[in-house]
Protein backbone atom coordinates (compact mmCIF):
# COMPACT_ATOMS: atom_id res chain seq x y z
CA UNK A 1 0.00 0.00 0.00
CA UNK A 2 1.30 3.43 -0.96
CA UNK A 3 0.30 6.01 1.65
CA UNK A 4 0.94 9.06 -0.57
CA UNK A 5 1.12 9.40 -4.32
CA UNK A 6 4.71 10.16 -5.28
CA UNK A 7 5.33 13.09 -7.63
CA UNK A 8 8.17 13.25 -10.13
CA UNK A 9 8.95 16.91 -10.76
CA UNK A 10 10.87 17.96 -13.84
CA UNK A 11 14.48 19.12 -13.43
CA UNK A 12 14.27 22.84 -14.25
CA UNK A 13 17.18 25.31 -14.25
CA UNK A 14 17.19 29.10 -14.62
CA UNK A 15 19.36 29.79 -17.66
CA UNK A 16 20.21 32.81 -19.83
CA UNK A 17 19.10 32.07 -23.40
CA UNK A 18 18.95 34.11 -26.61
CA UNK A 19 15.36 34.68 -27.68
CA UNK A 20 14.60 36.93 -30.69
CA UNK A 21 18.05 38.52 -30.52
CA UNK A 22 18.00 39.45 -26.84
CA UNK A 23 19.32 37.48 -23.84
CA UNK A 24 16.65 36.37 -21.38
CA UNK A 25 16.58 34.46 -18.08
CA UNK A 26 14.17 31.56 -18.47
CA UNK A 27 13.44 28.29 -16.67
CA UNK A 28 14.52 25.45 -18.97
CA UNK A 29 14.37 21.69 -18.40
CA UNK A 30 17.71 19.87 -18.39
CA UNK A 31 16.52 17.55 -21.17
CA UNK A 32 16.10 20.55 -23.48
CA UNK A 33 19.57 21.85 -22.56
CA UNK A 34 21.16 18.46 -23.23
CA UNK A 35 19.30 18.01 -26.53
CA UNK A 36 20.37 21.48 -27.72
CA UNK A 37 16.81 22.78 -28.13
CA UNK A 38 17.78 26.11 -26.56
CA UNK A 39 20.88 28.24 -27.18
CA UNK A 40 22.64 29.53 -24.06
CA UNK A 41 23.70 33.18 -23.99
PDB file of N, CA and C in Angstrom:
ATOM      1  N   UNK A   1       0.837  -1.193   0.000  1.00  0.00           N
ATOM      2  CA  UNK A   1       0.000   0.000   0.000  1.00  0.00           C
ATOM      3  C   UNK A   1       0.882   1.256   0.000  1.00  0.00           C
ATOM      4  N   UNK A   2       0.567   2.174  -0.892  1.00  0.00           N
ATOM      5  CA  UNK A   2       1.300   3.435  -0.956  1.00  0.00           C
ATOM      6  C   UNK A   2       0.474   4.499  -0.248  1.00  0.00           C
ATOM      7  N   UNK A   3       1.033   5.044   0.839  1.00  0.00           N
ATOM      8  CA  UNK A   3       0.298   6.011   1.653  1.00  0.00           C
ATOM      9  C   UNK A   3       0.055   7.320   0.895  1.00  0.00           C
ATOM     10  N   UNK A   4       1.100   7.821   0.207  1.00  0.00           N
ATOM     11  CA  UNK A   4       0.940   9.057  -0.567  1.00  0.00           C
ATOM     12  C   UNK A   4       1.384   8.823  -2.002  1.00  0.00           C
ATOM     13  N   UNK A   5       0.746   9.498  -2.920  1.00  0.00           N
ATOM     14  CA  UNK A   5       1.123   9.400  -4.324  1.00  0.00           C
ATOM     15  C   UNK A   5       2.408  10.189  -4.534  1.00  0.00           C
ATOM     16  N   UNK A   6       3.423   9.527  -5.073  1.00  0.00           N
ATOM     17  CA  UNK A   6       4.714  10.161  -5.281  1.00  0.00           C
ATOM     18  C   UNK A   6       4.680  10.997  -6.548  1.00  0.00           C
ATOM     19  N   UNK A   7       5.291  12.197  -6.479  1.00  0.00           N
ATOM     20  CA  UNK A   7       5.325  13.088  -7.634  1.00  0.00           C
ATOM     21  C   UNK A   7       6.733  13.196  -8.181  1.00  0.00           C
ATOM     22  N   UNK A   8       6.873  13.098  -9.489  1.00  0.00           N
ATOM     23  CA  UNK A   8       8.168  13.247 -10.132  1.00  0.00           C
ATOM     24  C   UNK A   8       8.196  14.600 -10.821  1.00  0.00           C
ATOM     25  N   UNK A   9       8.862  15.576 -10.188  1.00  0.00           N
ATOM     26  CA  UNK A   9       8.954  16.914 -10.759  1.00  0.00           C
ATOM     27  C   UNK A   9      10.060  16.964 -11.800  1.00  0.00           C
ATOM     28  N   UNK A  10       9.862  17.811 -12.799  1.00  0.00           N
ATOM     29  CA  UNK A  10      10.875  17.960 -13.843  1.00  0.00           C
ATOM     30  C   UNK A  10      12.055  18.753 -13.311  1.00  0.00           C
ATOM     31  N   UNK A  11      13.246  18.449 -13.830  1.00  0.00           N
ATOM     32  CA  UNK A  11      14.477  19.122 -13.426  1.00  0.00           C
ATOM     33  C   UNK A  11      14.595  20.410 -14.232  1.00  0.00           C
ATOM     34  N   UNK A  12      14.309  21.545 -13.572  1.00  0.00           N
ATOM     35  CA  UNK A  12      14.275  22.837 -14.246  1.00  0.00           C
ATOM     36  C   UNK A  12      15.364  23.751 -13.703  1.00  0.00           C
ATOM     37  N   UNK A  13      16.105  24.398 -14.617  1.00  0.00           N
ATOM     38  CA  UNK A  13      17.184  25.309 -14.255  1.00  0.00           C
ATOM     39  C   UNK A  13      16.886  26.691 -14.812  1.00  0.00           C
ATOM     40  N   UNK A  14      17.329  27.740 -14.103  1.00  0.00           N
ATOM     41  CA  UNK A  14      17.185  29.101 -14.616  1.00  0.00           C
ATOM     42  C   UNK A  14      18.437  29.430 -15.417  1.00  0.00           C
ATOM     43  N   UNK A  15      18.246  29.634 -16.740  1.00  0.00           N
ATOM     44  CA  UNK A  15      19.363  29.794 -17.660  1.00  0.00           C
ATOM     45  C   UNK A  15      19.155  31.040 -18.523  1.00  0.00           C
ATOM     46  N   UNK A  16      20.287  31.694 -18.881  1.00  0.00           N
ATOM     47  CA  UNK A  16      20.205  32.808 -19.826  1.00  0.00           C
ATOM     48  C   UNK A  16      20.226  32.239 -21.234  1.00  0.00           C
ATOM     49  N   UNK A  17      19.172  32.540 -22.018  1.00  0.00           N
ATOM     50  CA  UNK A  17      19.098  32.075 -23.405  1.00  0.00           C
ATOM     51  C   UNK A  17      18.897  33.269 -24.331  1.00  0.00           C
ATOM     52  N   UNK A  18      19.176  33.060 -25.607  1.00  0.00           N
ATOM     53  CA  UNK A  18      18.953  34.105 -26.607  1.00  0.00           C
ATOM     54  C   UNK A  18      17.601  33.850 -27.261  1.00  0.00           C
ATOM     55  N   UNK A  19      16.682  34.792 -27.087  1.00  0.00           N
ATOM     56  CA  UNK A  19      15.356  34.676 -27.684  1.00  0.00           C
ATOM     57  C   UNK A  19      15.059  35.951 -28.457  1.00  0.00           C
ATOM     58  N   UNK A  20      14.834  35.823 -29.741  1.00  0.00           N
ATOM     59  CA  UNK A  20      14.598  36.934 -30.689  1.00  0.00           C
ATOM     60  C   UNK A  20      15.663  38.029 -30.563  1.00  0.00           C
ATOM     61  N   UNK A  21      16.915  37.588 -30.515  1.00  0.00           N
ATOM     62  CA  UNK A  21      18.047  38.519 -30.518  1.00  0.00           C
ATOM     63  C   UNK A  21      18.466  39.097 -29.187  1.00  0.00           C
ATOM     64  N   UNK A  22      17.674  38.887 -28.146  1.00  0.00           N
ATOM     65  CA  UNK A  22      17.998  39.454 -26.835  1.00  0.00           C
ATOM     66  C   UNK A  22      18.163  38.347 -25.800  1.00  0.00           C
ATOM     67  N   UNK A  23      19.166  38.481 -24.903  1.00  0.00           N
ATOM     68  CA  UNK A  23      19.321  37.478 -23.844  1.00  0.00           C
ATOM     69  C   UNK A  23      18.211  37.582 -22.803  1.00  0.00           C
ATOM     70  N   UNK A  24      17.771  36.435 -22.327  1.00  0.00           N
ATOM     71  CA  UNK A  24      16.652  36.373 -21.381  1.00  0.00           C
ATOM     72  C   UNK A  24      16.929  35.299 -20.353  1.00  0.00           C
ATOM     73  N   UNK A  25      16.477  35.510 -19.108  1.00  0.00           N
ATOM     74  CA  UNK A  25      16.582  34.463 -18.082  1.00  0.00           C
ATOM     75  C   UNK A  25      15.264  33.687 -18.061  1.00  0.00           C
ATOM     76  N   UNK A  26      15.366  32.394 -18.360  1.00  0.00           N
ATOM     77  CA  UNK A  26      14.175  31.559 -18.474  1.00  0.00           C
ATOM     78  C   UNK A  26      14.414  30.235 -17.757  1.00  0.00           C
ATOM     79  N   UNK A  27      13.341  29.622 -17.255  1.00  0.00           N
ATOM     80  CA  UNK A  27      13.435  28.289 -16.673  1.00  0.00           C
ATOM     81  C   UNK A  27      13.373  27.265 -17.807  1.00  0.00           C
ATOM     82  N   UNK A  28      14.421  26.426 -17.893  1.00  0.00           N
ATOM     83  CA  UNK A  28      14.525  25.445 -18.968  1.00  0.00           C
ATOM     84  C   UNK A  28      14.784  24.078 -18.356  1.00  0.00           C
ATOM     85  N   UNK A  29      14.133  23.045 -18.890  1.00  0.00           N
ATOM     86  CA  UNK A  29      14.368  21.694 -18.398  1.00  0.00           C
ATOM     87  C   UNK A  29      15.726  21.197 -18.876  1.00  0.00           C
ATOM     88  N   UNK A  30      16.359  20.355 -18.088  1.00  0.00           N
ATOM     89  CA  UNK A  30      17.708  19.868 -18.386  1.00  0.00           C
ATOM     90  C   UNK A  30      17.723  18.992 -19.642  1.00  0.00           C
ATOM     91  N   UNK A  31      16.611  18.361 -19.949  1.00  0.00           N
ATOM     92  CA  UNK A  31      16.523  17.550 -21.167  1.00  0.00           C
ATOM     93  C   UNK A  31      16.657  18.428 -22.405  1.00  0.00           C
ATOM     94  N   UNK A  32      16.032  19.608 -22.354  1.00  0.00           N
ATOM     95  CA  UNK A  32      16.101  20.549 -23.478  1.00  0.00           C
ATOM     96  C   UNK A  32      17.515  21.099 -23.634  1.00  0.00           C
ATOM     97  N   UNK A  33      18.187  21.357 -22.519  1.00  0.00           N
ATOM     98  CA  UNK A  33      19.572  21.847 -22.557  1.00  0.00           C
ATOM     99  C   UNK A  33      20.500  20.808 -23.169  1.00  0.00           C
ATOM    100  N   UNK A  34      20.324  19.555 -22.757  1.00  0.00           N
ATOM    101  CA  UNK A  34      21.164  18.462 -23.233  1.00  0.00           C
ATOM    102  C   UNK A  34      20.918  18.177 -24.717  1.00  0.00           C
ATOM    103  N   UNK A  35      19.670  18.291 -25.138  1.00  0.00           N
ATOM    104  CA  UNK A  35      19.297  18.012 -26.533  1.00  0.00           C
ATOM    105  C   UNK A  35      19.652  19.159 -27.473  1.00  0.00           C
ATOM    106  N   UNK A  36      19.989  20.323 -26.905  1.00  0.00           N
ATOM    107  CA  UNK A  36      20.368  21.478 -27.721  1.00  0.00           C
ATOM    108  C   UNK A  36      19.172  22.214 -28.308  1.00  0.00           C
ATOM    109  N   UNK A  37      18.024  22.117 -27.644  1.00  0.00           N
ATOM    110  CA  UNK A  37      16.807  22.782 -28.129  1.00  0.00           C
ATOM    111  C   UNK A  37      16.827  24.275 -27.851  1.00  0.00           C
ATOM    112  N   UNK A  38      17.639  24.691 -26.856  1.00  0.00           N
ATOM    113  CA  UNK A  38      17.777  26.108 -26.555  1.00  0.00           C
ATOM    114  C   UNK A  38      19.253  26.503 -26.646  1.00  0.00           C
ATOM    115  N   UNK A  39      19.510  27.751 -27.071  1.00  0.00           N
ATOM    116  CA  UNK A  39      20.881  28.236 -27.176  1.00  0.00           C
ATOM    117  C   UNK A  39      21.190  29.111 -25.978  1.00  0.00           C
ATOM    118  N   UNK A  40      22.237  28.755 -25.238  1.00  0.00           N
ATOM    119  CA  UNK A  40      22.641  29.533 -24.063  1.00  0.00           C
ATOM    120  C   UNK A  40      23.318  30.813 -24.486  1.00  0.00           C
ATOM    121  N   UNK A  41      23.092  31.871 -23.696  1.00  0.00           N
ATOM    122  CA  UNK A  41      23.705  33.176 -23.988  1.00  0.00           C
ATOM    123  C   UNK A  41      25.031  33.309 -23.251  1.00  0.00           C
TER     124      UNK A  41
END
